[in-house]
Amino acid sequence: MRGPRYPVRIRNEKGTGFIAVVDVAFVLRGEDGDVGKLLKAVEGHYTEMINHTRGLLGCLDNGTKRVEIYWDIGSAIKKFLDFLDRETPFYLANKNSTLARDLGIGLTTLCGITRLRKSIRTRKELKKKIENGLKWACFSRGVYRGTY
Protein backbone atom coordinates (compact mmCIF):
# COMPACT_ATOMS: atom_id res chain seq x y z
CA MET A 1 0.00 0.00 0.00
CA ARG A 2 1.54 3.29 -1.05
CA GLY A 3 1.22 6.64 0.64
CA PRO A 4 2.19 7.70 4.14
CA ARG A 5 3.28 4.90 6.47
CA TYR A 6 2.43 4.78 10.16
CA PRO A 7 4.12 2.82 12.94
CA VAL A 8 2.20 -0.07 14.46
CA ARG A 9 3.34 -1.50 17.77
CA ILE A 10 2.60 -5.02 18.90
CA ARG A 11 1.90 -5.58 22.57
CA ASN A 12 1.73 -9.02 24.12
CA GLU A 13 -1.23 -8.85 26.48
CA LYS A 14 -1.32 -11.73 28.94
CA GLY A 15 -4.43 -13.82 28.39
CA THR A 16 -5.65 -11.98 25.30
CA GLY A 17 -2.73 -12.48 22.91
CA PHE A 18 -1.14 -9.92 20.64
CA ILE A 19 -2.64 -6.46 20.33
CA ALA A 20 -1.74 -4.07 17.49
CA VAL A 21 -1.58 -0.42 18.53
CA VAL A 22 -1.27 2.62 16.26
CA ASP A 23 -0.50 6.22 17.06
CA VAL A 24 -3.38 8.62 17.50
CA ALA A 25 -2.14 10.61 14.48
CA PHE A 26 -3.25 7.82 12.13
CA VAL A 27 -6.71 7.60 13.67
CA LEU A 28 -7.16 11.38 13.63
CA ARG A 29 -6.21 11.70 9.96
CA GLY A 30 -9.11 9.41 9.12
CA GLU A 31 -7.41 8.09 5.99
CA ASP A 32 -8.97 4.70 6.40
CA GLY A 33 -12.51 4.48 7.66
CA ASP A 34 -12.04 1.15 9.37
CA VAL A 35 -8.95 1.29 11.57
CA GLY A 36 -10.24 -1.52 13.76
CA LYS A 37 -10.55 -3.87 10.81
CA LEU A 38 -6.97 -3.13 9.70
CA LEU A 39 -5.62 -3.66 13.21
CA LYS A 40 -7.48 -6.97 13.56
CA ALA A 41 -5.92 -8.13 10.29
CA VAL A 42 -2.45 -7.14 11.55
CA GLU A 43 -3.06 -8.93 14.86
CA GLY A 44 -4.28 -12.06 13.08
CA HIS A 45 -1.34 -12.23 10.68
CA TYR A 46 1.15 -11.48 13.45
CA THR A 47 -0.29 -14.14 15.77
CA GLU A 48 -0.26 -16.70 12.95
CA MET A 49 3.37 -15.88 12.10
CA ILE A 50 4.51 -16.06 15.74
CA ASN A 51 2.74 -19.38 16.37
CA HIS A 52 4.19 -20.88 13.16
CA THR A 53 7.74 -19.74 13.91
CA ARG A 54 7.58 -20.88 17.53
CA GLY A 55 6.58 -24.31 16.23
CA LEU A 56 9.60 -24.28 13.93
CA LEU A 57 11.86 -23.26 16.80
CA GLY A 58 10.58 -26.30 18.69
CA CYS A 59 11.94 -28.51 15.88
CA LEU A 60 15.51 -27.41 16.56
CA ASP A 61 15.82 -29.97 19.36
CA ASN A 62 14.89 -32.84 17.04
CA GLY A 63 18.20 -32.80 15.18
CA THR A 64 16.72 -31.12 12.11
CA LYS A 65 19.03 -28.95 10.08
CA ARG A 66 19.30 -25.56 11.77
CA VAL A 67 19.88 -23.60 8.55
CA GLU A 68 16.68 -24.93 6.96
CA ILE A 69 14.56 -24.15 10.02
CA TYR A 70 15.98 -20.67 10.34
CA TRP A 71 15.37 -20.08 6.62
CA ASP A 72 11.71 -21.12 7.13
CA ILE A 73 11.45 -18.73 10.09
CA GLY A 74 12.90 -15.97 7.94
CA SER A 75 10.32 -16.75 5.25
CA ALA A 76 7.45 -16.48 7.74
CA ILE A 77 8.76 -13.13 9.00
CA LYS A 78 9.21 -11.87 5.44
CA LYS A 79 5.65 -12.93 4.56
CA PHE A 80 4.26 -10.94 7.50
CA LEU A 81 6.34 -7.84 6.72
CA ASP A 82 5.33 -8.06 3.04
CA PHE A 83 1.67 -8.21 4.15
CA LEU A 84 2.15 -5.04 6.22
CA ASP A 85 3.81 -3.30 3.29
CA ARG A 86 1.31 -4.36 0.61
CA GLU A 87 -2.01 -4.32 2.39
CA THR A 88 -1.79 -1.79 5.21
CA PRO A 89 -0.48 1.74 5.74
CA PHE A 90 1.65 0.45 8.64
CA TYR A 91 5.21 -0.57 9.36
CA LEU A 92 6.31 -2.52 12.42
CA ALA A 93 7.86 -0.15 14.94
CA ASN A 94 11.01 -1.48 16.62
CA LYS A 95 10.82 -4.42 14.23
CA ASN A 96 13.84 -6.43 15.33
CA SER A 97 13.38 -6.05 19.07
CA THR A 98 9.64 -6.77 18.82
CA LEU A 99 10.15 -9.93 16.75
CA ALA A 100 13.01 -11.18 18.94
CA ARG A 101 10.95 -10.60 22.09
CA ASP A 102 7.86 -12.39 20.81
CA LEU A 103 9.80 -15.29 19.28
CA GLY A 104 11.88 -15.73 22.42
CA ILE A 105 15.20 -15.54 20.59
CA GLY A 106 18.15 -13.21 20.84
CA LEU A 107 18.51 -10.15 18.66
CA THR A 108 21.74 -11.53 17.16
CA THR A 109 19.98 -14.75 16.16
CA LEU A 110 17.12 -12.79 14.60
CA CYS A 111 19.56 -10.67 12.60
CA GLY A 112 21.28 -13.85 11.40
CA ILE A 113 17.91 -15.29 10.35
CA THR A 114 17.01 -12.19 8.35
CA ARG A 115 20.48 -12.11 6.81
CA LEU A 116 20.06 -15.76 5.78
CA ARG A 117 16.63 -15.16 4.23
CA LYS A 118 17.76 -12.06 2.33
CA SER A 119 20.84 -13.86 1.00
CA ILE A 120 19.11 -17.04 -0.17
CA ARG A 121 15.83 -16.39 -1.95
CA THR A 122 14.51 -19.88 -2.77
CA ARG A 123 14.38 -23.26 -1.05
CA LYS A 124 16.05 -24.82 -4.10
CA GLU A 125 18.98 -22.42 -3.75
CA LEU A 126 19.13 -23.18 -0.01
CA LYS A 127 19.29 -26.94 -0.58
CA LYS A 128 22.10 -26.52 -3.10
CA LYS A 129 24.12 -24.32 -0.73
CA ILE A 130 23.63 -26.78 2.15
CA GLU A 131 24.90 -29.59 -0.10
CA ASN A 132 27.95 -27.43 -0.80
CA GLY A 133 28.68 -27.06 2.92
CA LEU A 134 26.73 -24.01 4.07
CA LYS A 135 26.61 -23.82 7.89
CA TRP A 136 24.53 -21.65 10.23
CA ALA A 137 27.71 -20.19 11.74
CA CYS A 138 28.21 -18.17 8.54
CA PHE A 139 25.08 -16.18 9.29
CA SER A 140 25.14 -16.14 13.08
CA ARG A 141 28.56 -14.47 12.99
CA GLY A 142 27.70 -12.16 10.10
CA VAL A 143 30.45 -13.48 7.85
CA TYR A 144 28.41 -14.88 4.92
CA ARG A 145 29.84 -13.65 1.65
CA GLY A 146 27.76 -15.74 -0.75
CA THR A 147 30.58 -18.16 -1.54
CA TYR A 148 28.84 -21.51 -0.87
C-alpha atoms as a PDB file:
ATOM      1  CA  MET A   1       0.000   0.000   0.000  1.00  0.00           C
ATOM      2  CA  ARG A   2       1.542   3.289  -1.053  1.00  0.00           C
ATOM      3  CA  GLY A   3       1.220   6.637   0.641  1.00  0.00           C
ATOM      4  CA  PRO A   4       2.192   7.697   4.136  1.00  0.00           C
ATOM      5  CA  ARG A   5       3.279   4.900   6.467  1.00  0.00           C
ATOM      6  CA  TYR A   6       2.429   4.783  10.162  1.00  0.00           C
ATOM      7  CA  PRO A   7       4.117   2.818  12.943  1.00  0.00           C
ATOM      8  CA  VAL A   8       2.204  -0.069  14.462  1.00  0.00           C
ATOM      9  CA  ARG A   9       3.339  -1.495  17.772  1.00  0.00           C
ATOM     10  CA  ILE A  10       2.599  -5.020  18.902  1.00  0.00           C
ATOM     11  CA  ARG A  11       1.904  -5.584  22.566  1.00  0.00           C
ATOM     12  CA  ASN A  12       1.725  -9.017  24.125  1.00  0.00           C
ATOM     13  CA  GLU A  13      -1.233  -8.848  26.481  1.00  0.00           C
ATOM     14  CA  LYS A  14      -1.324 -11.734  28.936  1.00  0.00           C
ATOM     15  CA  GLY A  15      -4.430 -13.823  28.386  1.00  0.00           C
ATOM     16  CA  THR A  16      -5.653 -11.979  25.299  1.00  0.00           C
ATOM     17  CA  GLY A  17      -2.730 -12.483  22.909  1.00  0.00           C
ATOM     18  CA  PHE A  18      -1.143  -9.923  20.637  1.00  0.00           C
ATOM     19  CA  ILE A  19      -2.638  -6.460  20.330  1.00  0.00           C
ATOM     20  CA  ALA A  20      -1.744  -4.071  17.493  1.00  0.00           C
ATOM     21  CA  VAL A  21      -1.585  -0.422  18.535  1.00  0.00           C
ATOM     22  CA  VAL A  22      -1.271   2.623  16.265  1.00  0.00           C
ATOM     23  CA  ASP A  23      -0.501   6.218  17.064  1.00  0.00           C
ATOM     24  CA  VAL A  24      -3.384   8.621  17.503  1.00  0.00           C
ATOM     25  CA  ALA A  25      -2.141  10.610  14.484  1.00  0.00           C
ATOM     26  CA  PHE A  26      -3.250   7.817  12.130  1.00  0.00           C
ATOM     27  CA  VAL A  27      -6.705   7.599  13.670  1.00  0.00           C
ATOM     28  CA  LEU A  28      -7.163  11.380  13.630  1.00  0.00           C
ATOM     29  CA  ARG A  29      -6.206  11.701   9.963  1.00  0.00           C
ATOM     30  CA  GLY A  30      -9.106   9.414   9.121  1.00  0.00           C
ATOM     31  CA  GLU A  31      -7.408   8.088   5.986  1.00  0.00           C
ATOM     32  CA  ASP A  32      -8.968   4.700   6.403  1.00  0.00           C
ATOM     33  CA  GLY A  33     -12.511   4.480   7.665  1.00  0.00           C
ATOM     34  CA  ASP A  34     -12.042   1.149   9.372  1.00  0.00           C
ATOM     35  CA  VAL A  35      -8.954   1.287  11.568  1.00  0.00           C
ATOM     36  CA  GLY A  36     -10.244  -1.525  13.760  1.00  0.00           C
ATOM     37  CA  LYS A  37     -10.550  -3.872  10.805  1.00  0.00           C
ATOM     38  CA  LEU A  38      -6.975  -3.129   9.704  1.00  0.00           C
ATOM     39  CA  LEU A  39      -5.621  -3.659  13.209  1.00  0.00           C
ATOM     40  CA  LYS A  40      -7.484  -6.972  13.565  1.00  0.00           C
ATOM     41  CA  ALA A  41      -5.923  -8.132  10.288  1.00  0.00           C
ATOM     42  CA  VAL A  42      -2.450  -7.144  11.553  1.00  0.00           C
ATOM     43  CA  GLU A  43      -3.063  -8.929  14.859  1.00  0.00           C
ATOM     44  CA  GLY A  44      -4.280 -12.063  13.083  1.00  0.00           C
ATOM     45  CA  HIS A  45      -1.344 -12.231  10.680  1.00  0.00           C
ATOM     46  CA  TYR A  46       1.154 -11.481  13.452  1.00  0.00           C
ATOM     47  CA  THR A  47      -0.288 -14.139  15.768  1.00  0.00           C
ATOM     48  CA  GLU A  48      -0.257 -16.696  12.947  1.00  0.00           C
ATOM     49  CA  MET A  49       3.367 -15.876  12.097  1.00  0.00           C
ATOM     50  CA  ILE A  50       4.511 -16.058  15.742  1.00  0.00           C
ATOM     51  CA  ASN A  51       2.744 -19.380  16.365  1.00  0.00           C
ATOM     52  CA  HIS A  52       4.188 -20.877  13.165  1.00  0.00           C
ATOM     53  CA  THR A  53       7.736 -19.735  13.907  1.00  0.00           C
ATOM     54  CA  ARG A  54       7.576 -20.882  17.533  1.00  0.00           C
ATOM     55  CA  GLY A  55       6.585 -24.309  16.225  1.00  0.00           C
ATOM     56  CA  LEU A  56       9.598 -24.276  13.930  1.00  0.00           C
ATOM     57  CA  LEU A  57      11.864 -23.263  16.795  1.00  0.00           C
ATOM     58  CA  GLY A  58      10.585 -26.299  18.694  1.00  0.00           C
ATOM     59  CA  CYS A  59      11.939 -28.509  15.878  1.00  0.00           C
ATOM     60  CA  LEU A  60      15.514 -27.409  16.555  1.00  0.00           C
ATOM     61  CA  ASP A  61      15.820 -29.974  19.357  1.00  0.00           C
ATOM     62  CA  ASN A  62      14.885 -32.838  17.040  1.00  0.00           C
ATOM     63  CA  GLY A  63      18.200 -32.799  15.179  1.00  0.00           C
ATOM     64  CA  THR A  64      16.724 -31.120  12.107  1.00  0.00           C
ATOM     65  CA  LYS A  65      19.026 -28.948  10.081  1.00  0.00           C
ATOM     66  CA  ARG A  66      19.303 -25.564  11.766  1.00  0.00           C
ATOM     67  CA  VAL A  67      19.878 -23.603   8.548  1.00  0.00           C
ATOM     68  CA  GLU A  68      16.680 -24.927   6.959  1.00  0.00           C
ATOM     69  CA  ILE A  69      14.562 -24.150  10.016  1.00  0.00           C
ATOM     70  CA  TYR A  70      15.983 -20.667  10.342  1.00  0.00           C
ATOM     71  CA  TRP A  71      15.367 -20.078   6.623  1.00  0.00           C
ATOM     72  CA  ASP A  72      11.709 -21.122   7.129  1.00  0.00           C
ATOM     73  CA  ILE A  73      11.448 -18.735  10.087  1.00  0.00           C
ATOM     74  CA  GLY A  74      12.898 -15.966   7.936  1.00  0.00           C
ATOM     75  CA  SER A  75      10.316 -16.750   5.252  1.00  0.00           C
ATOM     76  CA  ALA A  76       7.451 -16.478   7.743  1.00  0.00           C
ATOM     77  CA  ILE A  77       8.764 -13.133   9.004  1.00  0.00           C
ATOM     78  CA  LYS A  78       9.209 -11.874   5.436  1.00  0.00           C
ATOM     79  CA  LYS A  79       5.652 -12.932   4.559  1.00  0.00           C
ATOM     80  CA  PHE A  80       4.260 -10.936   7.500  1.00  0.00           C
ATOM     81  CA  LEU A  81       6.339  -7.844   6.722  1.00  0.00           C
ATOM     82  CA  ASP A  82       5.329  -8.062   3.042  1.00  0.00           C
ATOM     83  CA  PHE A  83       1.673  -8.208   4.150  1.00  0.00           C
ATOM     84  CA  LEU A  84       2.153  -5.038   6.219  1.00  0.00           C
ATOM     85  CA  ASP A  85       3.809  -3.304   3.291  1.00  0.00           C
ATOM     86  CA  ARG A  86       1.314  -4.362   0.609  1.00  0.00           C
ATOM     87  CA  GLU A  87      -2.010  -4.325   2.394  1.00  0.00           C
ATOM     88  CA  THR A  88      -1.788  -1.787   5.211  1.00  0.00           C
ATOM     89  CA  PRO A  89      -0.481   1.736   5.740  1.00  0.00           C
ATOM     90  CA  PHE A  90       1.647   0.453   8.638  1.00  0.00           C
ATOM     91  CA  TYR A  91       5.206  -0.567   9.359  1.00  0.00           C
ATOM     92  CA  LEU A  92       6.309  -2.524  12.415  1.00  0.00           C
ATOM     93  CA  ALA A  93       7.861  -0.145  14.936  1.00  0.00           C
ATOM     94  CA  ASN A  94      11.012  -1.484  16.616  1.00  0.00           C
ATOM     95  CA  LYS A  95      10.817  -4.422  14.226  1.00  0.00           C
ATOM     96  CA  ASN A  96      13.841  -6.429  15.329  1.00  0.00           C
ATOM     97  CA  SER A  97      13.384  -6.054  19.073  1.00  0.00           C
ATOM     98  CA  THR A  98       9.635  -6.770  18.821  1.00  0.00           C
ATOM     99  CA  LEU A  99      10.152  -9.926  16.754  1.00  0.00           C
ATOM    100  CA  ALA A 100      13.012 -11.184  18.942  1.00  0.00           C
ATOM    101  CA  ARG A 101      10.945 -10.598  22.092  1.00  0.00           C
ATOM    102  CA  ASP A 102       7.862 -12.395  20.810  1.00  0.00           C
ATOM    103  CA  LEU A 103       9.797 -15.288  19.276  1.00  0.00           C
ATOM    104  CA  GLY A 104      11.878 -15.733  22.424  1.00  0.00           C
ATOM    105  CA  ILE A 105      15.200 -15.538  20.590  1.00  0.00           C
ATOM    106  CA  GLY A 106      18.154 -13.215  20.839  1.00  0.00           C
ATOM    107  CA  LEU A 107      18.510 -10.153  18.657  1.00  0.00           C
ATOM    108  CA  THR A 108      21.742 -11.532  17.159  1.00  0.00           C
ATOM    109  CA  THR A 109      19.977 -14.752  16.163  1.00  0.00           C
ATOM    110  CA  LEU A 110      17.116 -12.792  14.599  1.00  0.00           C
ATOM    111  CA  CYS A 111      19.562 -10.668  12.603  1.00  0.00           C
ATOM    112  CA  GLY A 112      21.282 -13.849  11.403  1.00  0.00           C
ATOM    113  CA  ILE A 113      17.911 -15.287  10.347  1.00  0.00           C
ATOM    114  CA  THR A 114      17.007 -12.186   8.351  1.00  0.00           C
ATOM    115  CA  ARG A 115      20.485 -12.108   6.809  1.00  0.00           C
ATOM    116  CA  LEU A 116      20.059 -15.759   5.782  1.00  0.00           C
ATOM    117  CA  ARG A 117      16.625 -15.164   4.228  1.00  0.00           C
ATOM    118  CA  LYS A 118      17.757 -12.065   2.330  1.00  0.00           C
ATOM    119  CA  SER A 119      20.842 -13.862   1.003  1.00  0.00           C
ATOM    120  CA  ILE A 120      19.111 -17.037  -0.167  1.00  0.00           C
ATOM    121  CA  ARG A 121      15.832 -16.386  -1.949  1.00  0.00           C
ATOM    122  CA  THR A 122      14.514 -19.882  -2.768  1.00  0.00           C
ATOM    123  CA  ARG A 123      14.383 -23.257  -1.045  1.00  0.00           C
ATOM    124  CA  LYS A 124      16.053 -24.820  -4.100  1.00  0.00           C
ATOM    125  CA  GLU A 125      18.983 -22.421  -3.753  1.00  0.00           C
ATOM    126  CA  LEU A 126      19.132 -23.177  -0.012  1.00  0.00           C
ATOM    127  CA  LYS A 127      19.292 -26.944  -0.578  1.00  0.00           C
ATOM    128  CA  LYS A 128      22.100 -26.516  -3.098  1.00  0.00           C
ATOM    129  CA  LYS A 129      24.116 -24.322  -0.727  1.00  0.00           C
ATOM    130  CA  ILE A 130      23.628 -26.783   2.151  1.00  0.00           C
ATOM    131  CA  GLU A 131      24.896 -29.590  -0.096  1.00  0.00           C
ATOM    132  CA  ASN A 132      27.951 -27.427  -0.800  1.00  0.00           C
ATOM    133  CA  GLY A 133      28.680 -27.055   2.916  1.00  0.00           C
ATOM    134  CA  LEU A 134      26.728 -24.009   4.073  1.00  0.00           C
ATOM    135  CA  LYS A 135      26.608 -23.815   7.892  1.00  0.00           C
ATOM    136  CA  TRP A 136      24.530 -21.652  10.232  1.00  0.00           C
ATOM    137  CA  ALA A 137      27.714 -20.186  11.744  1.00  0.00           C
ATOM    138  CA  CYS A 138      28.215 -18.168   8.543  1.00  0.00           C
ATOM    139  CA  PHE A 139      25.075 -16.177   9.294  1.00  0.00           C
ATOM    140  CA  SER A 140      25.145 -16.135  13.081  1.00  0.00           C
ATOM    141  CA  ARG A 141      28.556 -14.467  12.994  1.00  0.00           C
ATOM    142  CA  GLY A 142      27.696 -12.160  10.105  1.00  0.00           C
ATOM    143  CA  VAL A 143      30.448 -13.484   7.847  1.00  0.00           C
ATOM    144  CA  TYR A 144      28.411 -14.875   4.921  1.00  0.00           C
ATOM    145  CA  ARG A 145      29.844 -13.645   1.647  1.00  0.00           C
ATOM    146  CA  GLY A 146      27.761 -15.741  -0.749  1.00  0.00           C
ATOM    147  CA  THR A 147      30.576 -18.155  -1.535  1.00  0.00           C
ATOM    148  CA  TYR A 148      28.836 -21.506  -0.871  1.00  0.00           C
END
